[in-house]
Amino acid sequence: MQPDLLGLEISKGELRHLSGFDPDDIFRPSIFKNRQKRLNFFINELIVALALTPIIIGFIYAFIVLPIIGSSIKVAILLLIVVPALVFLGRWLWRRKVSPQSLAKLLDEVDEYHKLIEAIDINDQLASSGNLQSNLEDREKVIAALQLIREDLVLALKTERILRDNKKLIAQKHELLIDNLSNLQALQASSEASEYAQLLNQSLQIALDVQDQIRKLRKM
């Protein structure tokens, strides 16, 4: 990956710093639209449930079952079936309750932003191998667009956290978003039809989605 693309990425550490949450701990309905992400989610939750099961069963069996019923294989088997299911369901409901929906949507936009970076990286690799003729001017426009989107995403994540932490309105910062959107539209208008034109269109859509999320946050 080219150095200019590496500098555009928003790492998990930066996301954690900006939002105050580990991105992996946020419940995001959008992951269920992706088969691989959906599978990873269920596998991770199953591992956690199985890891907690012996501790919970040991506590229940030692302090509730034995004193009241005594030793019982049937009860132990029943606990082995019920407890993992309850842990899985409990974590599901808890994560849905504590995960801010506004942050989940912004993280979805970050994923879309990273997909654009990956698309440019693929174009770069194809160009370097001689399988694609790259238009450097259009590439620079897309990079400039992504830089503006990164600024918007960082601002949106900061705004969401401040509103979430303080539960009150903050100073207006909408002007920066308007300026960035205008610049993105100008880049799009000047772009020639090429492999980067679609990326610019996608960049503009992400910027519009981020602004929409900011407007929703400001109405909370």
Protein backbone atom coordinates (compact mmCIF):
# COMPACT_ATOMS: atom_id res chain seq x y z
CA MET A 1 0.00 0.00 0.00
CA GLN A 2 1.28 3.47 -0.93
CA PRO A 3 2.35 5.74 1.99
CA ASP A 4 -0.37 8.30 1.19
CA LEU A 5 -3.02 5.60 1.61
CA LEU A 6 -1.53 4.33 4.87
CA GLY A 7 -1.82 7.84 6.27
CA LEU A 8 -5.53 7.94 5.44
CA GLU A 9 -6.51 4.84 7.39
CA ILE A 10 -8.29 5.27 10.72
CA SER A 11 -6.89 2.58 13.00
CA LYS A 12 -8.83 0.76 15.69
CA GLY A 13 -6.69 2.53 18.27
CA GLU A 14 -7.65 5.93 16.87
CA LEU A 15 -11.31 4.91 16.73
CA ARG A 16 -11.10 3.82 20.36
CA HIS A 17 -9.53 7.15 21.31
CA LEU A 18 -12.09 9.20 19.37
CA SER A 19 -15.21 7.31 20.44
CA GLY A 20 -14.30 6.00 23.88
CA PHE A 21 -15.37 2.50 22.78
CA ASP A 22 -13.55 -0.49 21.37
CA PRO A 23 -15.08 -0.77 17.86
CA ASP A 24 -15.34 -4.54 18.29
CA ASP A 25 -17.57 -4.07 21.36
CA ILE A 26 -20.19 -2.01 19.50
CA PHE A 27 -23.29 -3.90 18.39
CA ARG A 28 -23.79 -3.10 14.71
CA PRO A 29 -26.82 -4.53 12.86
CA SER A 30 -24.99 -3.95 9.58
CA ILE A 31 -22.59 -6.83 10.26
CA PHE A 32 -25.41 -9.30 9.71
CA LYS A 33 -25.58 -8.24 6.05
CA ASN A 34 -22.08 -9.60 5.55
CA ARG A 35 -21.80 -13.39 5.76
CA GLN A 36 -18.19 -13.44 6.97
CA LYS A 37 -18.73 -10.73 9.60
CA ARG A 38 -21.91 -12.45 10.76
CA LEU A 39 -20.07 -15.74 11.15
CA ASN A 40 -17.18 -14.10 13.03
CA PHE A 41 -19.65 -12.39 15.37
CA PHE A 42 -21.39 -15.64 16.29
CA ILE A 43 -18.09 -17.50 16.69
CA ASN A 44 -16.70 -14.81 19.03
CA GLU A 45 -19.90 -14.73 21.09
CA LEU A 46 -19.95 -18.52 21.29
CA ILE A 47 -16.34 -18.59 22.52
CA VAL A 48 -17.14 -16.03 25.22
CA ALA A 49 -20.27 -17.94 26.26
CA LEU A 50 -18.35 -21.23 26.51
CA ALA A 51 -15.54 -19.56 28.46
CA LEU A 52 -17.97 -18.13 31.03
CA THR A 53 -20.10 -21.27 31.30
CA PRO A 54 -17.83 -23.31 33.65
CA ILE A 55 -17.51 -20.37 36.06
CA ILE A 56 -21.25 -19.71 36.16
CA ILE A 57 -22.20 -23.39 36.41
CA GLY A 58 -19.63 -23.96 39.15
CA PHE A 59 -21.08 -21.10 41.18
CA ILE A 60 -24.71 -22.20 40.68
CA TYR A 61 -23.95 -25.85 41.39
CA ALA A 62 -21.83 -25.19 44.47
CA PHE A 63 -23.99 -22.54 46.15
CA ILE A 64 -27.51 -23.36 44.95
CA VAL A 65 -27.88 -26.89 43.60
CA LEU A 66 -25.82 -28.81 46.16
CA PRO A 67 -27.27 -27.12 49.27
CA ILE A 68 -30.88 -27.45 48.04
CA ILE A 69 -31.06 -30.55 45.80
CA GLY A 70 -27.76 -32.29 46.32
CA SER A 71 -25.65 -33.95 43.65
CA SER A 72 -27.61 -34.34 40.42
CA ILE A 73 -26.30 -35.32 37.00
CA LYS A 74 -29.58 -34.29 35.34
CA VAL A 75 -29.35 -30.79 36.78
CA ALA A 76 -25.70 -30.52 35.72
CA ILE A 77 -26.58 -31.52 32.12
CA LEU A 78 -29.48 -29.08 32.11
CA LEU A 79 -27.17 -26.29 33.27
CA LEU A 80 -24.67 -27.15 30.53
CA ILE A 81 -27.42 -26.60 27.97
CA VAL A 82 -29.21 -23.60 29.47
CA VAL A 83 -26.33 -21.48 30.78
CA PRO A 84 -24.45 -20.97 27.46
CA ALA A 85 -27.71 -20.02 25.75
CA LEU A 86 -28.56 -17.53 28.51
CA VAL A 87 -25.05 -16.04 28.43
CA PHE A 88 -25.24 -15.63 24.66
CA LEU A 89 -28.70 -14.04 24.84
CA GLY A 90 -27.73 -11.83 27.78
CA ARG A 91 -24.64 -10.49 26.05
CA TRP A 92 -26.65 -9.88 22.88
CA LEU A 93 -29.28 -7.84 24.72
CA TRP A 94 -26.69 -6.00 26.83
CA ARG A 95 -24.60 -4.99 23.81
CA ARG A 96 -27.70 -3.77 21.97
CA LYS A 97 -28.64 -1.67 25.00
CA VAL A 98 -25.25 -0.07 25.71
CA SER A 99 -24.07 0.44 22.11
CA PRO A 100 -24.94 3.95 20.84
CA GLN A 101 -26.81 3.66 17.53
CA SER A 102 -25.29 6.90 16.27
CA LEU A 103 -21.78 5.54 16.85
CA ALA A 104 -22.66 2.26 15.14
CA LYS A 105 -23.76 4.18 12.03
CA LEU A 106 -20.59 6.26 12.01
CA LEU A 107 -18.49 3.09 12.28
CA ASP A 108 -20.38 1.77 9.26
CA GLU A 109 -19.31 4.91 7.38
CA VAL A 110 -15.71 4.31 8.48
CA ASP A 111 -15.94 0.82 6.97
CA GLU A 112 -17.19 2.26 3.67
CA TYR A 113 -14.35 4.80 3.78
CA HIS A 114 -11.80 2.02 4.25
CA LYS A 115 -13.32 0.11 1.31
CA LEU A 116 -12.50 3.09 -0.91
CA ILE A 117 -8.90 3.04 0.32
CA GLU A 118 -8.71 -0.68 -0.48
CA ALA A 119 -10.13 -0.02 -3.96
CA ILE A 120 -7.43 2.57 -4.67
CA ASP A 121 -4.78 0.17 -3.38
CA ILE A 122 -6.03 -2.49 -5.82
CA ASN A 123 -5.91 0.05 -8.67
CA ASP A 124 -2.35 0.95 -7.66
CA GLN A 125 -1.30 -2.70 -7.73
CA LEU A 126 -2.91 -3.25 -11.13
CA ALA A 127 -1.23 -0.11 -12.47
CA SER A 128 2.18 -1.16 -11.16
CA SER A 129 1.81 -4.58 -12.82
CA GLY A 130 0.89 -2.99 -16.15
CA ASN A 131 -2.69 -4.31 -16.17
CA LEU A 132 -4.28 -0.89 -15.75
CA GLN A 133 -3.43 2.58 -17.01
CA SER A 134 -3.62 4.89 -14.03
CA ASN A 135 -4.62 8.54 -14.27
CA LEU A 136 -2.44 10.22 -11.64
CA GLU A 137 -4.47 13.42 -11.68
CA ASP A 138 -7.71 11.60 -10.92
CA ARG A 139 -5.97 9.53 -8.26
CA GLU A 140 -4.82 12.73 -6.55
CA LYS A 141 -8.40 14.02 -6.61
CA VAL A 142 -9.66 10.86 -4.91
CA ILE A 143 -6.89 11.10 -2.30
CA ALA A 144 -7.86 14.74 -1.66
CA ALA A 145 -11.50 13.67 -1.33
CA LEU A 146 -10.59 10.95 1.15
CA GLN A 147 -8.58 13.44 3.21
CA LEU A 148 -11.68 15.63 3.48
CA ILE A 149 -13.84 12.66 4.40
CA ARG A 150 -11.33 11.63 7.06
CA GLU A 151 -11.61 15.09 8.61
CA ASP A 152 -15.40 14.81 8.58
CA LEU A 153 -15.35 11.34 10.13
CA VAL A 154 -12.98 12.43 12.90
CA LEU A 155 -15.14 15.49 13.60
CA ALA A 156 -18.31 13.38 13.58
CA LEU A 157 -16.84 10.83 16.00
CA LYS A 158 -15.65 13.58 18.35
CA THR A 159 -19.05 15.30 18.18
CA GLU A 160 -20.91 12.06 18.88
CA ARG A 161 -18.76 11.37 21.94
CA ILE A 162 -19.12 14.89 23.33
CA LEU A 163 -22.90 14.79 22.91
CA ARG A 164 -23.04 11.33 24.43
CA ASP A 165 -20.85 12.26 27.40
CA ASN A 166 -22.40 15.63 28.15
CA LYS A 167 -26.01 15.14 27.03
CA LYS A 168 -26.25 18.77 25.94
CA LEU A 169 -25.64 20.90 22.86
CA ILE A 170 -22.10 21.91 21.94
CA ALA A 171 -20.65 24.74 19.93
CA GLN A 172 -21.53 24.77 16.26
CA LYS A 173 -18.98 23.04 14.02
CA HIS A 174 -21.14 22.56 10.97
CA GLU A 175 -19.23 25.11 8.87
CA LEU A 176 -16.23 22.79 8.43
CA LEU A 177 -18.49 20.01 7.15
CA ILE A 178 -20.13 22.38 4.65
CA ASP A 179 -16.73 23.52 3.37
CA ASN A 180 -15.53 19.93 2.97
CA LEU A 181 -18.67 18.94 1.11
CA SER A 182 -18.30 21.87 -1.27
CA ASN A 183 -14.70 20.88 -1.96
CA LEU A 184 -15.74 17.27 -2.61
CA GLN A 185 -18.41 18.39 -5.07
CA ALA A 186 -15.84 20.53 -6.88
CA LEU A 187 -13.47 17.56 -7.14
CA GLN A 188 -16.28 15.40 -8.48
CA ALA A 189 -17.31 17.96 -11.09
CA SER A 190 -13.74 18.27 -12.41
CA SER A 191 -13.11 14.55 -12.57
CA GLU A 192 -12.88 12.87 -15.96
CA ALA A 193 -14.54 9.55 -16.72
CA SER A 194 -12.05 7.00 -15.42
CA GLU A 195 -11.69 4.22 -12.87
CA TYR A 196 -11.45 6.94 -10.22
CA ALA A 197 -14.68 8.75 -11.16
CA GLN A 198 -16.81 6.13 -9.40
CA LEU A 199 -14.59 6.34 -6.32
CA LEU A 200 -15.18 10.09 -6.21
CA ASN A 201 -18.93 9.50 -6.42
CA GLN A 202 -18.71 7.03 -3.55
CA SER A 203 -16.60 9.52 -1.57
CA LEU A 204 -19.26 12.19 -2.00
CA GLN A 205 -21.97 9.77 -0.85
CA ILE A 206 -19.99 8.94 2.30
CA ALA A 207 -19.55 12.65 3.01
CA LEU A 208 -23.31 13.19 2.62
CA ASP A 209 -24.05 10.26 4.94
CA VAL A 210 -21.63 11.59 7.56
CA GLN A 211 -23.23 15.04 7.41
CA ASP A 212 -26.64 13.45 7.78
CA GLN A 213 -25.45 11.67 10.93
CA ILE A 214 -24.10 14.95 12.33
CA ARG A 215 -27.46 16.65 11.73
CA LYS A 216 -29.23 13.82 13.56
CA LEU A 217 -26.78 14.13 16.45
CA ARG A 218 -27.41 17.85 16.74
CA LYS A 219 -31.17 17.24 17.02
CA MET A 220 -30.77 14.85 19.96
